C-alpha atoms as a PDB file:
ATOM      1  CA  MET A   1      21.338 -18.448 -11.642  1.00  0.00           C
ATOM      2  CA  LYS A   2      17.995 -17.853 -13.428  1.00  0.00           C
ATOM      3  CA  LEU A   3      15.928 -15.022 -13.764  1.00  0.00           C
ATOM      4  CA  ALA A   4      11.846 -14.827 -13.128  1.00  0.00           C
ATOM      5  CA  LEU A   5       9.738 -12.194 -12.569  1.00  0.00           C
ATOM      6  CA  TYR A   6       6.612 -12.190  -9.984  1.00  0.00           C
ATOM      7  CA  LEU A   7       3.967  -9.875 -11.890  1.00  0.00           C
ATOM      8  CA  PRO A   8       2.415  -7.454  -9.304  1.00  0.00           C
ATOM      9  CA  ASN A   9      -1.077  -8.404  -9.912  1.00  0.00           C
ATOM     10  CA  PHE A  10      -1.498  -7.494  -6.032  1.00  0.00           C
ATOM     11  CA  ARG A  11      -1.388  -3.758  -6.315  1.00  0.00           C
ATOM     12  CA  THR A  12      -3.812  -0.888  -5.267  1.00  0.00           C
ATOM     13  CA  GLU A  13      -3.826   0.291  -8.526  1.00  0.00           C
ATOM     14  CA  VAL A  14      -2.215  -1.936 -11.448  1.00  0.00           C
ATOM     15  CA  THR A  15      -3.817  -2.939 -15.173  1.00  0.00           C
ATOM     16  CA  ILE A  16      -4.160  -5.764 -17.482  1.00  0.00           C
ATOM     17  CA  LYS A  17      -1.958  -3.820 -19.865  1.00  0.00           C
ATOM     18  CA  GLU A  18       0.862  -3.129 -17.118  1.00  0.00           C
ATOM     19  CA  LEU A  19       0.447  -7.127 -16.883  1.00  0.00           C
ATOM     20  CA  GLU A  20       0.890  -7.840 -20.618  1.00  0.00           C
ATOM     21  CA  ASP A  21       3.989  -5.541 -20.693  1.00  0.00           C
ATOM     22  CA  LEU A  22       5.647  -6.979 -18.067  1.00  0.00           C
ATOM     23  CA  THR A  23       5.020 -10.434 -18.793  1.00  0.00           C
ATOM     24  CA  ASP A  24       6.067  -9.929 -23.048  1.00  0.00           C
ATOM     25  CA  LEU A  25       8.873  -8.750 -21.849  1.00  0.00           C
ATOM     26  CA  ALA A  26      10.173 -11.347 -19.421  1.00  0.00           C
ATOM     27  CA  GLU A  27       9.131 -13.881 -22.433  1.00  0.00           C
ATOM     28  CA  GLU A  28      11.637 -11.385 -25.038  1.00  0.00           C
ATOM     29  CA  LEU A  29      14.710 -11.587 -22.518  1.00  0.00           C
ATOM     30  CA  ASP A  30      14.373 -15.292 -21.970  1.00  0.00           C
ATOM     31  CA  PHE A  31      13.445 -15.154 -18.496  1.00  0.00           C
ATOM     32  CA  ASP A  32      12.689 -18.417 -16.898  1.00  0.00           C
ATOM     33  CA  SER A  33       9.513 -18.139 -15.262  1.00  0.00           C
ATOM     34  CA  VAL A  34       6.194 -15.600 -14.629  1.00  0.00           C
ATOM     35  CA  TRP A  35       4.583 -15.936 -11.512  1.00  0.00           C
ATOM     36  CA  THR A  36       1.555 -14.353  -9.900  1.00  0.00           C
ATOM     37  CA  LEU A  37       0.803 -13.606  -5.911  1.00  0.00           C
ATOM     38  CA  ASP A  38      -2.328 -15.271  -4.180  1.00  0.00           C
ATOM     39  CA  ARG A  39      -4.160 -12.939  -2.473  1.00  0.00           C
ATOM     40  CA  ILE A  40      -8.005 -13.279  -1.542  1.00  0.00           C
ATOM     41  CA  VAL A  41      -8.984 -10.480   0.342  1.00  0.00           C
ATOM     42  CA  VAL A  42      -7.125  -7.585   2.137  1.00  0.00           C
ATOM     43  CA  PRO A  43      -9.490  -6.949   5.252  1.00  0.00           C
ATOM     44  CA  GLU A  44     -10.405  -3.036   5.809  1.00  0.00           C
ATOM     45  CA  ALA A  45      -8.163  -3.930   9.707  1.00  0.00           C
ATOM     46  CA  SER A  46      -5.338  -3.812   7.406  1.00  0.00           C
ATOM     47  CA  ASP A  47      -5.662  -0.242   6.530  1.00  0.00           C
ATOM     48  CA  ARG A  48      -5.579   0.534  10.192  1.00  0.00           C
ATOM     49  CA  GLU A  49      -2.573  -2.182  10.894  1.00  0.00           C
ATOM     50  CA  GLU A  50      -5.330  -3.734  12.841  1.00  0.00           C
ATOM     51  CA  LEU A  51      -4.603  -8.041  11.239  1.00  0.00           C
ATOM     52  CA  GLN A  52      -4.275 -10.177  13.960  1.00  0.00           C
ATOM     53  CA  TYR A  53      -1.432 -11.300  12.291  1.00  0.00           C
ATOM     54  CA  THR A  54       2.223  -8.958  11.434  1.00  0.00           C
ATOM     55  CA  PHE A  55       2.649  -9.989   7.402  1.00  0.00           C
ATOM     56  CA  GLY A  56       3.664 -13.238   6.814  1.00  0.00           C
ATOM     57  CA  MET A  57       3.827 -13.736  10.557  1.00  0.00           C
ATOM     58  CA  MET A  58       7.020 -12.374  10.325  1.00  0.00           C
ATOM     59  CA  ASP A  59       8.821 -10.490  13.074  1.00  0.00           C
ATOM     60  CA  ASN A  60       9.202  -6.517  12.037  1.00  0.00           C
ATOM     61  CA  LEU A  61       6.740  -6.137   9.957  1.00  0.00           C
ATOM     62  CA  PRO A  62       3.397  -4.430  10.604  1.00  0.00           C
ATOM     63  CA  HIS A  63       0.117  -5.866  11.371  1.00  0.00           C
ATOM     64  CA  ALA A  64      -0.751  -4.782   7.691  1.00  0.00           C
ATOM     65  CA  LEU A  65      -0.502  -5.447   3.802  1.00  0.00           C
ATOM     66  CA  PRO A  66       1.259  -3.189   1.674  1.00  0.00           C
ATOM     67  CA  VAL A  67      -2.103  -3.024  -0.662  1.00  0.00           C
ATOM     68  CA  GLN A  68      -5.089  -0.603   0.692  1.00  0.00           C
ATOM     69  CA  ALA A  69      -8.672  -2.399   0.878  1.00  0.00           C
ATOM     70  CA  ARG A  70     -10.237  -0.753  -1.854  1.00  0.00           C
ATOM     71  CA  GLY A  71      -7.348  -1.351  -3.822  1.00  0.00           C
ATOM     72  CA  GLN A  72      -7.970  -2.753  -7.852  1.00  0.00           C
ATOM     73  CA  TRP A  73      -5.954  -5.793  -7.528  1.00  0.00           C
ATOM     74  CA  PHE A  74      -6.146  -8.843 -10.212  1.00  0.00           C
ATOM     75  CA  GLN A  75      -6.653 -12.560  -8.117  1.00  0.00           C
ATOM     76  CA  GLY A  76      -3.226 -14.802  -9.249  1.00  0.00           C
ATOM     77  CA  TYR A  77      -4.940 -18.103 -10.240  1.00  0.00           C
ATOM     78  CA  PRO A  78      -7.135 -17.308 -13.220  1.00  0.00           C
ATOM     79  CA  LEU A  79      -4.516 -15.183 -14.266  1.00  0.00           C
ATOM     80  CA  LEU A  80      -2.448 -18.690 -15.136  1.00  0.00           C
ATOM     81  CA  PRO A  81      -4.094 -19.694 -17.715  1.00  0.00           C
ATOM     82  CA  TRP A  82      -4.242 -16.373 -19.180  1.00  0.00           C
ATOM     83  CA  LEU A  83      -0.723 -16.783 -19.514  1.00  0.00           C
ATOM     84  CA  ALA A  84      -0.318 -19.971 -20.686  1.00  0.00           C
ATOM     85  CA  ALA A  85      -2.205 -18.281 -23.692  1.00  0.00           C
ATOM     86  CA  ARG A  86      -0.323 -15.454 -24.145  1.00  0.00           C
ATOM     87  CA  THR A  87       3.475 -17.118 -23.882  1.00  0.00           C
ATOM     88  CA  SER A  88       5.452 -19.816 -25.563  1.00  0.00           C
ATOM     89  CA  ARG A  89       8.356 -20.070 -23.736  1.00  0.00           C
ATOM     90  CA  VAL A  90       8.402 -18.773 -19.790  1.00  0.00           C
ATOM     91  CA  ARG A  91       7.223 -21.395 -17.380  1.00  0.00           C
ATOM     92  CA  ILE A  92       4.477 -20.279 -15.456  1.00  0.00           C
ATOM     93  CA  GLY A  93       3.390 -20.644 -11.467  1.00  0.00           C
ATOM     94  CA  GLN A  94       2.023 -18.787  -8.536  1.00  0.00           C
ATOM     95  CA  SER A  95       4.068 -18.209  -5.519  1.00  0.00           C
ATOM     96  CA  ILE A  96       2.588 -19.255  -3.632  1.00  0.00           C
ATOM     97  CA  ILE A  97      -1.265 -21.098  -3.890  1.00  0.00           C
ATOM     98  CA  ASP A  98      -2.582 -21.459  -0.531  1.00  0.00           C
ATOM     99  CA  THR A  99      -3.647 -25.133  -0.481  1.00  0.00           C
ATOM    100  CA  PRO A 100      -6.657 -24.411   2.193  1.00  0.00           C
ATOM    101  CA  PHE A 101      -8.769 -21.870  -0.224  1.00  0.00           C
ATOM    102  CA  ARG A 102      -9.041 -24.902  -2.890  1.00  0.00           C
ATOM    103  CA  ALA A 103     -10.669 -28.535  -2.471  1.00  0.00           C
ATOM    104  CA  PRO A 104      -7.472 -30.785  -3.271  1.00  0.00           C
ATOM    105  CA  GLY A 105      -8.971 -32.785  -5.724  1.00  0.00           C
ATOM    106  CA  VAL A 106     -10.235 -29.849  -7.969  1.00  0.00           C
ATOM    107  CA  LEU A 107      -6.953 -27.996  -7.435  1.00  0.00           C
ATOM    108  CA  ALA A 108      -5.183 -31.306  -9.307  1.00  0.00           C
ATOM    109  CA  ALA A 109      -7.471 -31.669 -11.950  1.00  0.00           C
ATOM    110  CA  GLU A 110      -7.479 -27.956 -12.694  1.00  0.00           C
ATOM    111  CA  LEU A 111      -3.622 -27.410 -12.462  1.00  0.00           C
ATOM    112  CA  ALA A 112      -3.651 -30.573 -14.934  1.00  0.00           C
ATOM    113  CA  THR A 113      -5.214 -29.316 -17.589  1.00  0.00           C
ATOM    114  CA  ILE A 114      -3.627 -25.710 -16.913  1.00  0.00           C
ATOM    115  CA  ASP A 115      -0.093 -27.639 -17.556  1.00  0.00           C
ATOM    116  CA  HIS A 116      -1.708 -28.753 -20.769  1.00  0.00           C
ATOM    117  CA  LEU A 117      -2.515 -24.867 -21.992  1.00  0.00           C
ATOM    118  CA  SER A 118       0.707 -24.031 -21.144  1.00  0.00           C
ATOM    119  CA  GLY A 119       2.379 -26.851 -23.259  1.00  0.00           C
ATOM    120  CA  GLY A 120       3.446 -28.493 -19.872  1.00  0.00           C
ATOM    121  CA  ARG A 121       4.922 -25.081 -18.155  1.00  0.00           C
ATOM    122  CA  LEU A 122       3.196 -24.791 -14.963  1.00  0.00           C
ATOM    123  CA  ASN A 123       5.305 -24.652 -11.857  1.00  0.00           C
ATOM    124  CA  VAL A 124       3.367 -25.621  -8.784  1.00  0.00           C
ATOM    125  CA  GLY A 125       4.124 -23.473  -5.363  1.00  0.00           C
ATOM    126  CA  LEU A 126       2.650 -24.346  -2.722  1.00  0.00           C
ATOM    127  CA  GLY A 127       1.937 -22.865   1.197  1.00  0.00           C
ATOM    128  CA  ALA A 128      -0.109 -22.646   4.285  1.00  0.00           C
ATOM    129  CA  GLY A 129      -1.152 -19.254   4.614  1.00  0.00           C
ATOM    130  CA  TRP A 130      -1.101 -16.764   7.317  1.00  0.00           C
ATOM    131  CA  MET A 131      -3.984 -14.430   7.459  1.00  0.00           C
ATOM    132  CA  PRO A 132      -6.948 -15.654   9.383  1.00  0.00           C
ATOM    133  CA  GLU A 133      -9.139 -13.091   8.117  1.00  0.00           C
ATOM    134  CA  GLU A 134      -8.206 -14.168   4.575  1.00  0.00           C
ATOM    135  CA  PHE A 135      -9.531 -17.869   5.459  1.00  0.00           C
ATOM    136  CA  ALA A 136     -12.593 -16.534   6.944  1.00  0.00           C
ATOM    137  CA  ALA A 137     -13.182 -14.528   3.562  1.00  0.00           C
ATOM    138  CA  ALA A 138     -12.790 -17.885   1.440  1.00  0.00           C
ATOM    139  CA  SER A 139     -15.083 -19.799   4.011  1.00  0.00           C
ATOM    140  CA  ALA A 140     -12.002 -21.874   5.344  1.00  0.00           C
ATOM    141  CA  THR A 141     -12.136 -20.754   9.035  1.00  0.00           C
ATOM    142  CA  ASP A 142     -11.989 -24.293  10.684  1.00  0.00           C
ATOM    143  CA  ILE A 143      -8.728 -25.174   8.894  1.00  0.00           C
ATOM    144  CA  PHE A 144      -6.960 -22.386   9.920  1.00  0.00           C
ATOM    145  CA  PRO A 145      -5.689 -24.537  13.108  1.00  0.00           C
ATOM    146  CA  LYS A 146      -4.792 -27.401  10.859  1.00  0.00           C
ATOM    147  CA  ARG A 147      -3.699 -25.502   7.810  1.00  0.00           C
ATOM    148  CA  HIS A 148      -0.333 -27.789   7.314  1.00  0.00           C
ATOM    149  CA  LYS A 149      -2.117 -30.624   7.554  1.00  0.00           C
ATOM    150  CA  HIS A 150      -4.204 -29.345   4.194  1.00  0.00           C
ATOM    151  CA  VAL A 151      -0.960 -28.731   2.854  1.00  0.00           C
ATOM    152  CA  ARG A 152       0.459 -32.573   3.315  1.00  0.00           C
ATOM    153  CA  GLU A 153      -2.920 -33.674   2.325  1.00  0.00           C
ATOM    154  CA  THR A 154      -3.336 -31.505  -0.912  1.00  0.00           C
ATOM    155  CA  ILE A 155       0.796 -32.815  -1.535  1.00  0.00           C
ATOM    156  CA  GLU A 156      -0.228 -36.279  -1.404  1.00  0.00           C
ATOM    157  CA  VAL A 157      -3.806 -35.737  -3.488  1.00  0.00           C
ATOM    158  CA  LEU A 158      -1.854 -34.039  -6.301  1.00  0.00           C
ATOM    159  CA  GLN A 159       0.881 -36.621  -6.628  1.00  0.00           C
ATOM    160  CA  GLY A 160      -1.578 -39.547  -6.291  1.00  0.00           C
ATOM    161  CA  VAL A 161      -3.956 -38.004  -8.950  1.00  0.00           C
ATOM    162  CA  TRP A 162      -1.225 -36.962 -11.690  1.00  0.00           C
ATOM    163  CA  GLY A 163       0.714 -40.516 -10.899  1.00  0.00           C
ATOM    164  CA  ASN A 164      -2.910 -42.311 -11.403  1.00  0.00           C
ATOM    165  CA  ASP A 165      -5.152 -43.907 -13.974  1.00  0.00           C
ATOM    166  CA  LEU A 166      -7.688 -43.726 -10.905  1.00  0.00           C
ATOM    167  CA  PHE A 167      -7.232 -42.951  -7.576  1.00  0.00           C
ATOM    168  CA  GLU A 168      -8.706 -43.028  -3.964  1.00  0.00           C
ATOM    169  CA  TYR A 169      -7.857 -40.760  -0.713  1.00  0.00           C
ATOM    170  CA  HIS A 170      -9.185 -40.764   2.854  1.00  0.00           C
ATOM    171  CA  GLY A 171      -8.238 -37.384   5.101  1.00  0.00           C
ATOM    172  CA  GLU A 172      -9.360 -35.154   6.674  1.00  0.00           C
ATOM    173  CA  PHE A 173      -9.980 -32.766   4.097  1.00  0.00           C
ATOM    174  CA  ALA A 174     -10.006 -34.920   1.400  1.00  0.00           C
ATOM    175  CA  ASP A 175     -12.174 -37.979   1.239  1.00  0.00           C
ATOM    176  CA  PHE A 176     -13.308 -39.578  -1.884  1.00  0.00           C
ATOM    177  CA  ASP A 177     -12.971 -43.377  -3.330  1.00  0.00           C
ATOM    178  CA  ARG A 178     -11.730 -43.851  -6.711  1.00  0.00           C
ATOM    179  CA  CYS A 179     -12.204 -41.825  -9.362  1.00  0.00           C
ATOM    180  CA  GLY A 180     -10.452 -40.502 -12.312  1.00  0.00           C
ATOM    181  CA  PHE A 181      -9.459 -36.478 -12.690  1.00  0.00           C
ATOM    182  CA  GLY A 182      -9.129 -36.237 -16.403  1.00  0.00           C
ATOM    183  CA  ALA A 183      -5.998 -35.475 -18.251  1.00  0.00           C
ATOM    184  CA  LYS A 184      -2.896 -35.855 -16.536  1.00  0.00           C
ATOM    185  CA  PRO A 185      -0.363 -33.230 -16.325  1.00  0.00           C
ATOM    186  CA  LEU A 186       1.805 -32.587 -19.701  1.00  0.00           C
ATOM    187  CA  GLN A 187       4.924 -33.144 -17.629  1.00  0.00           C
ATOM    188  CA  GLN A 188       6.534 -36.384 -16.929  1.00  0.00           C
ATOM    189  CA  PRO A 189       6.179 -37.776 -13.873  1.00  0.00           C
ATOM    190  CA  ARG A 190       4.479 -34.564 -12.399  1.00  0.00           C
ATOM    191  CA  PRO A 191       4.885 -30.883 -12.725  1.00  0.00           C
ATOM    192  CA  PRO A 192       7.377 -29.476 -10.660  1.00  0.00           C
ATOM    193  CA  ILE A 193       6.444 -28.601  -7.373  1.00  0.00           C
ATOM    194  CA  PHE A 194       7.558 -26.118  -4.757  1.00  0.00           C
ATOM    195  CA  MET A 195       7.760 -25.378  -1.067  1.00  0.00           C
ATOM    196  CA  SER A 196       6.946 -22.241   0.541  1.00  0.00           C
ATOM    197  CA  GLY A 197       9.551 -20.977   3.002  1.00  0.00           C
ATOM    198  CA  LEU A 198       8.401 -17.574   5.164  1.00  0.00           C
ATOM    199  CA  LYS A 199       8.729 -18.649   8.880  1.00  0.00           C
ATOM    200  CA  ASP A 200      10.007 -22.296  10.025  1.00  0.00           C
ATOM    201  CA  PRO A 201      12.916 -24.037   8.188  1.00  0.00           C
ATOM    202  CA  LEU A 202      12.228 -27.144   9.760  1.00  0.00           C
ATOM    203  CA  ARG A 203       8.664 -27.411   8.627  1.00  0.00           C
ATOM    204  CA  SER A 204       9.320 -26.321   4.312  1.00  0.00           C
ATOM    205  CA  ALA A 205      12.086 -29.136   4.636  1.00  0.00           C
ATOM    206  CA  LYS A 206      10.489 -32.069   6.134  1.00  0.00           C
ATOM    207  CA  ARG A 207       7.768 -31.474   2.882  1.00  0.00           C
ATOM    208  CA  ILE A 208      10.590 -30.992   0.056  1.00  0.00           C
ATOM    209  CA  THR A 209      12.280 -34.128   1.581  1.00  0.00           C
ATOM    210  CA  LYS A 210       9.251 -36.182   2.452  1.00  0.00           C
ATOM    211  CA  TYR A 211       7.542 -35.781  -0.587  1.00  0.00           C
ATOM    212  CA  ASP A 212      10.796 -35.611  -2.918  1.00  0.00           C
ATOM    213  CA  LEU A 213       9.541 -31.811  -4.109  1.00  0.00           C
ATOM    214  CA  ASP A 214      11.539 -30.061  -6.447  1.00  0.00           C
ATOM    215  CA  GLY A 215      11.941 -26.482  -4.824  1.00  0.00           C
ATOM    216  CA  TRP A 216      11.880 -23.926  -2.066  1.00  0.00           C
ATOM    217  CA  ILE A 217      10.251 -20.450  -2.463  1.00  0.00           C
ATOM    218  CA  GLY A 218      11.361 -17.455   0.361  1.00  0.00           C
ATOM    219  CA  ILE A 219      10.821 -14.078   0.753  1.00  0.00           C
ATOM    220  CA  GLN A 220      12.640 -11.379   1.225  1.00  0.00           C
ATOM    221  CA  ASP A 221      16.013 -13.681   2.128  1.00  0.00           C
ATOM    222  CA  SER A 222      19.372 -11.786   2.473  1.00  0.00           C
ATOM    223  CA  PRO A 223      22.097 -14.573   1.033  1.00  0.00           C
ATOM    224  CA  GLU A 224      22.984 -15.047   5.258  1.00  0.00           C
ATOM    225  CA  GLY A 225      19.276 -16.102   5.549  1.00  0.00           C
ATOM    226  CA  LEU A 226      19.361 -18.595   2.996  1.00  0.00           C
ATOM    227  CA  ALA A 227      21.700 -20.770   4.972  1.00  0.00           C
ATOM    228  CA  LYS A 228      19.057 -21.768   7.945  1.00  0.00           C
ATOM    229  CA  TRP A 229      16.688 -23.179   5.214  1.00  0.00           C
ATOM    230  CA  LEU A 230      19.235 -24.854   3.049  1.00  0.00           C
ATOM    231  CA  THR A 231      20.594 -26.178   6.156  1.00  0.00           C
ATOM    232  CA  ALA A 232      17.231 -27.462   7.497  1.00  0.00           C
ATOM    233  CA  ILE A 233      16.644 -29.156   4.092  1.00  0.00           C
ATOM    234  CA  ASP A 234      20.123 -30.862   3.693  1.00  0.00           C
ATOM    235  CA  GLN A 235      19.856 -31.733   6.758  1.00  0.00           C
ATOM    236  CA  GLN A 236      16.472 -33.713   6.501  1.00  0.00           C
ATOM    237  CA  PHE A 237      17.620 -35.748   3.309  1.00  0.00           C
ATOM    238  CA  GLU A 238      20.420 -37.127   5.003  1.00  0.00           C
ATOM    239  CA  GLU A 239      18.136 -37.948   8.432  1.00  0.00           C
ATOM    240  CA  ILE A 240      15.475 -40.192   5.751  1.00  0.00           C
ATOM    241  CA  GLY A 241      19.115 -41.558   4.027  1.00  0.00           C
ATOM    242  CA  SER A 242      18.328 -39.554   0.911  1.00  0.00           C
ATOM    243  CA  PRO A 243      21.142 -38.654  -1.302  1.00  0.00           C
ATOM    244  CA  LYS A 244      19.933 -35.286  -2.343  1.00  0.00           C
ATOM    245  CA  ARG A 245      20.670 -32.174  -0.913  1.00  0.00           C
ATOM    246  CA  SER A 246      19.155 -28.389  -1.555  1.00  0.00           C
ATOM    247  CA  LYS A 247      22.228 -28.180  -4.407  1.00  0.00           C
ATOM    248  CA  ASP A 248      19.769 -30.296  -6.040  1.00  0.00           C
ATOM    249  CA  LEU A 249      16.813 -28.093  -5.568  1.00  0.00           C
ATOM    250  CA  GLU A 250      15.292 -25.075  -7.228  1.00  0.00           C
ATOM    251  CA  ILE A 251      16.367 -22.216  -4.738  1.00  0.00           C
ATOM    252  CA  CYS A 252      14.174 -19.234  -5.138  1.00  0.00           C
ATOM    253  CA  SER A 253      13.422 -15.762  -3.004  1.00  0.00           C
ATOM    254  CA  MET A 254      10.407 -13.260  -3.880  1.00  0.00           C
ATOM    255  CA  ILE A 255      12.464 -10.204  -3.425  1.00  0.00           C
ATOM    256  CA  TRP A 256      11.218  -6.614  -4.057  1.00  0.00           C
ATOM    257  CA  THR A 257      13.789  -4.919  -6.735  1.00  0.00           C
ATOM    258  CA  VAL A 258      14.490  -1.707  -7.920  1.00  0.00           C
ATOM    259  CA  ILE A 259      17.844  -0.383  -9.436  1.00  0.00           C
ATOM    260  CA  THR A 260      18.356   3.382  -8.006  1.00  0.00           C
ATOM    261  CA  GLU A 261      21.138   6.317  -9.115  1.00  0.00           C
ATOM    262  CA  GLU A 262      22.335   6.537  -5.974  1.00  0.00           C
ATOM    263  CA  GLU A 263      23.502   3.660  -3.298  1.00  0.00           C
ATOM    264  CA  THR A 264      20.916   2.129  -1.001  1.00  0.00           C
ATOM    265  CA  ASP A 265      21.968   1.083   2.619  1.00  0.00           C
ATOM    266  CA  GLN A 266      20.992  -2.921   2.046  1.00  0.00           C
ATOM    267  CA  SER A 267      21.915  -3.500   5.523  1.00  0.00           C
ATOM    268  CA  THR A 268      19.744  -6.351   6.754  1.00  0.00           C
ATOM    269  CA  ALA A 269      19.623  -5.680  10.634  1.00  0.00           C
ATOM    270  CA  GLY A 270      16.404  -5.804  11.975  1.00  0.00           C
ATOM    271  CA  GLY A 271      14.215  -8.573  10.484  1.00  0.00           C
ATOM    272  CA  VAL A 272      12.816  -9.151   6.952  1.00  0.00           C
ATOM    273  CA  ALA A 273      14.976  -6.279   5.012  1.00  0.00           C
ATOM    274  CA  SER A 274      12.735  -4.489   1.931  1.00  0.00           C
ATOM    275  CA  ASN A 275      15.626  -3.285   0.153  1.00  0.00           C
ATOM    276  CA  LEU A 276      18.148  -6.315  -0.508  1.00  0.00           C
ATOM    277  CA  LEU A 277      18.212  -5.643  -4.280  1.00  0.00           C
ATOM    278  CA  VAL A 278      17.290  -1.630  -4.108  1.00  0.00           C
ATOM    279  CA  GLY A 279      20.514   0.185  -5.138  1.00  0.00           C
ATOM    280  CA  THR A 280      22.830   0.974  -8.121  1.00  0.00           C
ATOM    281  CA  GLU A 281      23.656  -1.333 -10.896  1.00  0.00           C
ATOM    282  CA  LYS A 282      26.773  -2.277  -9.061  1.00  0.00           C
ATOM    283  CA  GLN A 283      25.155  -3.053  -6.062  1.00  0.00           C
ATOM    284  CA  LEU A 284      22.539  -5.007  -7.523  1.00  0.00           C
ATOM    285  CA  THR A 285      25.263  -7.036  -9.252  1.00  0.00           C
ATOM    286  CA  ASP A 286      26.846  -7.617  -6.134  1.00  0.00           C
ATOM    287  CA  ARG A 287      24.082  -8.631  -4.268  1.00  0.00           C
ATOM    288  CA  LEU A 288      23.204 -11.047  -6.632  1.00  0.00           C
ATOM    289  CA  LYS A 289      26.776 -12.632  -7.061  1.00  0.00           C
ATOM    290  CA  ALA A 290      26.323 -12.852  -3.244  1.00  0.00           C
ATOM    291  CA  TYR A 291      23.161 -15.024  -3.574  1.00  0.00           C
ATOM    292  CA  LYS A 292      24.584 -17.154  -6.342  1.00  0.00           C
ATOM    293  CA  ASP A 293      26.996 -17.996  -3.888  1.00  0.00           C
ATOM    294  CA  ALA A 294      25.163 -18.645  -1.301  1.00  0.00           C
ATOM    295  CA  GLY A 295      22.865 -21.129  -3.569  1.00  0.00           C
ATOM    296  CA  LEU A 296      20.579 -19.007  -4.848  1.00  0.00           C
ATOM    297  CA  THR A 297      18.951 -20.507  -8.191  1.00  0.00           C
ATOM    298  CA  MET A 298      16.712 -18.360  -9.301  1.00  0.00           C
ATOM    299  CA  PRO A 299      15.591 -14.833  -7.549  1.00  0.00           C
ATOM    300  CA  LEU A 300      11.812 -13.832  -8.482  1.00  0.00           C
ATOM    301  CA  ILE A 301      12.358  -9.962  -9.653  1.00  0.00           C
ATOM    302  CA  TRP A 302       9.556  -8.484  -7.635  1.00  0.00           C
ATOM    303  CA  PRO A 303       8.341  -4.266  -8.496  1.00  0.00           C
ATOM    304  CA  PRO A 304       7.241  -2.838  -5.328  1.00  0.00           C
ATOM    305  CA  PHE A 305       3.916  -2.372  -4.154  1.00  0.00           C
ATOM    306  CA  THR A 306       4.359   1.394  -4.336  1.00  0.00           C
ATOM    307  CA  ASP A 307       5.740   4.479  -5.846  1.00  0.00           C
ATOM    308  CA  VAL A 308       7.856   2.422  -8.728  1.00  0.00           C
ATOM    309  CA  PRO A 309       6.014   2.867 -11.713  1.00  0.00           C
ATOM    310  CA  VAL A 310       5.942  -0.416 -14.340  1.00  0.00           C
ATOM    311  CA  SER A 311       7.414   1.602 -16.948  1.00  0.00           C
ATOM    312  CA  LYS A 312      10.787   1.617 -14.428  1.00  0.00           C
ATOM    313  CA  THR A 313      10.642  -1.883 -13.439  1.00  0.00           C
ATOM    314  CA  LEU A 314      10.581  -2.380 -17.591  1.00  0.00           C
ATOM    315  CA  ASP A 315      13.584  -0.544 -17.719  1.00  0.00           C
ATOM    316  CA  ASP A 316      15.046  -2.048 -14.942  1.00  0.00           C
ATOM    317  CA  LEU A 317      14.380  -5.713 -16.197  1.00  0.00           C
ATOM    318  CA  LYS A 318      16.560  -4.981 -19.425  1.00  0.00           C
ATOM    319  CA  ARG A 319      19.233  -3.805 -17.450  1.00  0.00           C
ATOM    320  CA  ILE A 320      19.419  -6.341 -15.041  1.00  0.00           C
ATOM    321  CA  LYS A 321      19.242  -8.932 -17.878  1.00  0.00           C
ATOM    322  CA  ASN A 322      21.767  -7.406 -20.780  1.00  0.00           C
ATOM    323  CA  ASP A 323      23.889  -5.255 -17.874  1.00  0.00           C
ATOM    324  CA  ILE A 324      23.835  -7.049 -14.470  1.00  0.00           C
ATOM    325  CA  MET A 325      23.734 -10.734 -15.015  1.00  0.00           C
ATOM    326  CA  PRO A 326      26.275 -11.135 -17.206  1.00  0.00           C
ATOM    327  CA  LYS A 327      28.728  -9.494 -14.677  1.00  0.00           C
ATOM    328  CA  VAL A 328      27.156 -11.991 -12.352  1.00  0.00           C
ATOM    329  CA  GLU A 329      27.733 -14.982 -14.283  1.00  0.00           C
ATOM    330  CA  ALA A 330      31.237 -14.082 -15.159  1.00  0.00           C
ATOM    331  CA  ALA A 331      32.026 -13.917 -11.252  1.00  0.00           C
END
């Protein structure tokens, strides 16, 4: 099992120094990768729990984001070239890039450049977004009802631009004649592409299998909950006659993580739980063993939004790497 760090760039209060310290430690501890979070805005309506949909459109969560509208967070996408320059070994990525906020051709060219800046260490996480208020702020209101089609076209443009000297595409959201887009990614045939999975296993599985993607990223998934996603992926591979299965992919989930001194109730009843990787060292060890057995190959260790200072997370990362993971791998 690999370890990844999910940078807390989306917090009511966070500093670049804190992001530097976390990134530097992830590299020192030989983590596989460091990821940023994509968030364009926090609507003021969120502070009143009056968003149109619940967080991530997931059940049993509030109609709000866990960050205040007046918060001083940092955009995830501009942090990618910064990460490329600051690190030398860890892979980098954004979990996930909401494609409707970016023109597909521009995104393809920019990601190729970032792959060069990182020396070929870029992972590409893709998703559709879920918050109409954010689509409005990104001048993409009209795309919201068709956002999943935008993801499909973006994948086709990324793969086409990266795989051809000249490329043309004629779709609804990208429509251009044969063009060159500059340097191709260093990674061949392309950087790994991960599909997000928050709500609809079948849709995510179809994207992964149709486009032969490299991984899947969920959020706050329990070991038991992973089964519905991996089953859907396996069934879709079988349906198209592919020998590949979910075991051939990088299976990831973004999970809030804190080591506590007292045992924590880690029950998952009632929907997406917030305490899956919150608990004592033994609880985290047992949970990570269960994740490994369930097919999770890389948890994205996610510092909670509030109440946990970065100094505590830095200590937790060391304990996870040095004390917990050897027991997980020995199981």
